[in-house]
Amino acid sequence: MAKVTMYSQQVCPFCDRAERLLRSRGVDVIEKIMVDTDREQRALMVQRTGRRTVPQIYVEDTHVGGFDDLVALDREGGLLALLDEKA
């Protein structure tokens, strides 16, 4: 399975829902970068993604986007393909 990285924060229902969706698609390990406890990581997230909201999800080096983007990709059938392609 491909490496998944998620910029997150401790209290974030969308982060929780994104994690549940990813796990339901077979992702066992999600590297979480907690931006609410590390200002440097938040600044890096904004620089890397151009967005300020969490979650921000990467599959390997592909930026999926936030929760809504993840759900849309899954509904289109692209999430499993991306996870398999990047594995």
Protein backbone atom coordinates (compact mmCIF):
# COMPACT_ATOMS: atom_id res chain seq x y z
CA MET A 1 0.00 0.00 0.00
CA ALA A 2 1.17 3.50 -0.78
CA LYS A 3 2.46 5.86 1.89
CA VAL A 4 -0.23 8.25 3.13
CA THR A 5 0.59 11.48 4.93
CA MET A 6 -2.10 13.61 6.52
CA TYR A 7 -1.71 17.07 7.98
CA SER A 8 -4.11 17.04 10.91
CA GLN A 9 -4.95 18.46 14.30
CA GLN A 10 -6.20 16.93 17.52
CA VAL A 11 -9.82 18.09 17.35
CA CYS A 12 -10.93 17.75 13.76
CA PRO A 13 -14.00 15.75 12.73
CA PHE A 14 -13.01 15.94 9.07
CA CYS A 15 -9.59 14.51 9.90
CA ASP A 16 -11.26 11.64 11.76
CA ARG A 17 -13.60 10.96 8.84
CA ALA A 18 -10.71 11.06 6.36
CA GLU A 19 -8.78 8.58 8.46
CA ARG A 20 -11.79 6.23 8.66
CA LEU A 21 -12.24 6.38 4.89
CA LEU A 22 -8.57 5.70 4.22
CA ARG A 23 -8.55 2.76 6.65
CA SER A 24 -11.69 1.33 5.04
CA ARG A 25 -9.76 1.36 1.74
CA GLY A 26 -6.95 -0.70 3.24
CA VAL A 27 -4.52 1.95 4.45
CA ASP A 28 -2.89 0.60 7.61
CA VAL A 29 -0.41 3.37 8.34
CA ILE A 30 -1.14 7.07 8.10
CA GLU A 31 1.69 9.44 8.93
CA LYS A 32 -0.02 12.26 10.79
CA ILE A 33 1.61 15.65 11.01
CA MET A 34 -0.08 17.57 13.81
CA VAL A 35 -0.19 21.23 12.81
CA ASP A 36 -2.01 22.45 15.91
CA THR A 37 0.95 21.66 18.12
CA ASP A 38 3.75 22.63 15.74
CA ARG A 39 3.65 26.06 14.07
CA GLU A 40 6.55 25.16 11.80
CA GLN A 41 4.63 22.21 10.40
CA ARG A 42 1.56 24.40 9.82
CA ALA A 43 3.70 26.87 7.87
CA LEU A 44 5.20 24.01 5.84
CA MET A 45 1.71 22.67 5.13
CA VAL A 46 0.53 26.06 3.84
CA GLN A 47 3.66 26.43 1.73
CA ARG A 48 3.38 22.89 0.35
CA THR A 49 -0.38 22.82 -0.31
CA GLY A 50 -1.40 26.46 -0.61
CA ARG A 51 -4.20 25.69 1.84
CA ARG A 52 -4.75 26.50 5.50
CA THR A 53 -7.39 23.92 6.43
CA VAL A 54 -6.97 20.37 7.66
CA PRO A 55 -6.88 17.65 6.75
CA GLN A 56 -4.49 17.90 3.83
CA ILE A 57 -3.77 14.46 2.45
CA TYR A 58 -0.93 13.13 0.35
CA VAL A 59 -0.61 9.71 -1.24
CA GLU A 60 3.13 9.40 -1.74
CA ASP A 61 3.92 12.73 -3.46
CA THR A 62 0.42 13.34 -4.88
CA HIS A 63 -1.62 15.97 -3.07
CA VAL A 64 -5.17 14.65 -2.82
CA GLY A 65 -6.45 17.71 -0.97
CA GLY A 66 -8.85 17.87 1.95
CA PHE A 67 -11.66 15.62 3.11
CA ASP A 68 -14.12 16.70 0.40
CA ASP A 69 -11.46 16.09 -2.26
CA LEU A 70 -10.74 12.65 -0.79
CA VAL A 71 -14.42 11.68 -0.84
CA ALA A 72 -14.84 12.92 -4.42
CA LEU A 73 -11.79 10.96 -5.54
CA ASP A 74 -13.14 7.84 -3.82
CA ARG A 75 -16.59 8.23 -5.40
CA GLU A 76 -14.98 8.52 -8.84
CA GLY A 77 -13.07 5.29 -8.19
CA GLY A 78 -9.74 7.07 -8.18
CA LEU A 79 -8.69 6.57 -4.57
CA LEU A 80 -8.09 2.83 -4.75
CA ALA A 81 -6.36 3.26 -8.10
CA LEU A 82 -4.09 5.97 -6.65
CA LEU A 83 -3.28 3.88 -3.59
CA ASP A 84 -2.43 0.87 -5.77
CA GLU A 85 -0.55 2.90 -8.39
CA LYS A 86 1.72 4.53 -5.82
CA ALA A 87 2.35 1.33 -3.85
